[in-house]
Amino acid sequence: EPVSLKYHIKFYRLYENGESHKEDGAPLGDLIRNKFTIKYKSGKKINPYISGGLFHLYITNNGKMDEYRVLFGFSLDLPGKNSMKIFYIFKKEDIAKLNPDEINVFGISYRIKL
């Protein structure tokens, strides 16, 4: 199939300076991350993909969404089962704030398979 869909969910416990609670004893919280990925295998060396992630604070904020990410890019198949990815990530953190943090990342990843 040229198009593949992938979904995964992860559970994280938040720590700061090795502690899972704030100084007042309140828990930092737990995070649930949902990630969706769509990849298109063109049969050529260049294969585009798009991915999105939603982060929900569990317990401390009644499961409210705290962050989301959108990623898109393409992977390049190189000789010898090596690969390179060129991508862009848009990330919005602390959505509950009046002015949430926005982060833009352009990146290159290189994978060597021995």
Protein backbone atom coordinates (compact mmCIF):
# COMPACT_ATOMS: atom_id res chain seq x y z
CA GLU A 1 0.00 0.00 0.00
CA PRO A 2 1.41 3.41 -0.88
CA VAL A 3 -0.33 5.19 2.04
CA SER A 4 0.22 4.12 5.63
CA LEU A 5 -1.56 5.39 8.72
CA LYS A 6 -0.06 5.06 12.17
CA TYR A 7 -1.45 5.96 15.58
CA HIS A 8 0.15 5.62 18.99
CA ILE A 9 -0.54 6.79 22.49
CA LYS A 10 1.99 7.36 25.27
CA PHE A 11 1.66 8.10 28.95
CA TYR A 12 4.23 10.37 30.63
CA ARG A 13 4.75 11.36 34.26
CA LEU A 14 6.13 14.89 34.61
CA TYR A 15 9.21 15.53 36.75
CA GLU A 16 11.08 18.69 37.63
CA ASN A 17 14.48 18.47 39.31
CA GLY A 18 13.85 14.77 39.93
CA GLU A 19 10.56 15.40 41.77
CA SER A 20 7.01 14.62 40.61
CA HIS A 21 5.46 17.22 42.95
CA LYS A 22 5.75 20.99 43.26
CA GLU A 23 7.11 22.62 46.42
CA ASP A 24 3.56 23.04 47.75
CA GLY A 25 2.96 19.27 47.41
CA ALA A 26 0.71 19.52 44.34
CA PRO A 27 1.53 16.96 41.63
CA LEU A 28 3.14 18.22 38.42
CA GLY A 29 0.78 15.92 36.58
CA ASP A 30 0.76 13.25 33.96
CA LEU A 31 0.63 13.66 30.21
CA ILE A 32 -1.15 11.58 27.61
CA ARG A 33 0.21 11.98 24.09
CA ASN A 34 -1.79 10.96 21.02
CA LYS A 35 0.15 10.91 17.75
CA PHE A 36 -1.15 10.36 14.22
CA THR A 37 1.08 9.88 11.19
CA ILE A 38 0.32 9.56 7.48
CA LYS A 39 3.12 8.45 5.16
CA TYR A 40 3.10 8.14 1.40
CA LYS A 41 5.55 5.65 -0.13
CA SER A 42 5.94 6.81 -3.70
CA GLY A 43 8.23 3.98 -4.78
CA LYS A 44 10.93 6.56 -5.39
CA LYS A 45 13.65 7.88 -3.10
CA ILE A 46 11.54 10.77 -1.76
CA ASN A 47 8.57 9.95 0.50
CA PRO A 48 6.43 12.69 2.10
CA TYR A 49 4.76 12.42 5.52
CA ILE A 50 2.66 14.47 7.91
CA SER A 51 2.16 13.94 11.62
CA GLY A 52 0.20 15.54 14.44
CA GLY A 53 0.29 15.18 18.18
CA LEU A 54 -2.04 16.21 20.99
CA PHE A 55 -0.87 16.42 24.61
CA HIS A 56 -3.44 16.24 27.40
CA LEU A 57 -2.64 16.98 31.02
CA TYR A 58 -4.19 14.17 33.03
CA ILE A 59 -5.53 14.69 36.60
CA THR A 60 -4.04 18.15 37.28
CA ASN A 61 -6.04 20.01 34.61
CA ASN A 62 -9.03 17.68 34.17
CA GLY A 63 -7.65 16.25 30.94
CA LYS A 64 -7.44 19.59 29.14
CA MET A 65 -5.31 19.78 26.03
CA ASP A 66 -2.01 21.47 26.92
CA GLU A 67 0.00 21.27 23.70
CA TYR A 68 -0.18 20.27 20.07
CA ARG A 69 2.35 19.70 17.31
CA VAL A 70 2.10 19.48 13.56
CA LEU A 71 5.02 18.06 11.61
CA PHE A 72 5.50 17.61 7.91
CA GLY A 73 8.45 16.73 5.76
CA PHE A 74 9.89 14.07 3.55
CA SER A 75 12.35 11.24 3.90
CA LEU A 76 15.09 10.45 1.42
CA ASP A 77 16.19 6.85 0.95
CA LEU A 78 19.97 6.76 0.58
CA PRO A 79 22.29 3.90 -0.46
CA GLY A 80 23.07 1.22 2.12
CA LYS A 81 19.73 1.49 3.98
CA ASN A 82 20.69 4.96 5.23
CA SER A 83 18.13 7.75 5.20
CA MET A 84 17.70 11.47 5.71
CA LYS A 85 14.64 13.44 6.76
CA ILE A 86 13.96 17.11 6.14
CA PHE A 87 11.07 18.44 8.21
CA TYR A 88 9.21 21.37 9.73
CA ILE A 89 7.49 21.33 13.16
CA PHE A 90 4.97 23.82 14.47
CA LYS A 91 4.38 23.47 18.21
CA LYS A 92 2.02 25.37 20.50
CA GLU A 93 2.59 24.89 24.27
CA ASP A 94 0.62 25.89 27.37
CA ILE A 95 -2.60 26.46 25.45
CA ALA A 96 -4.45 27.38 28.65
CA LYS A 97 -2.30 30.52 28.97
CA LEU A 98 -3.47 33.85 27.60
CA ASN A 99 -0.42 33.95 25.30
CA PRO A 100 0.60 30.35 24.51
CA ASP A 101 4.17 29.67 23.39
CA GLU A 102 4.60 28.99 19.66
CA ILE A 103 7.70 27.19 18.42
CA ASN A 104 8.79 26.69 14.80
CA VAL A 105 11.54 24.18 13.98
CA PHE A 106 13.15 23.32 10.66
CA GLY A 107 15.30 20.23 10.88
CA ILE A 108 17.42 17.63 9.13
CA SER A 109 17.84 14.12 10.50
CA TYR A 110 20.35 11.58 9.20
CA ARG A 111 20.10 7.86 9.99
CA ILE A 112 22.94 5.42 9.52
CA LYS A 113 22.12 1.73 9.65
CA LEU A 114 25.08 -0.50 10.44
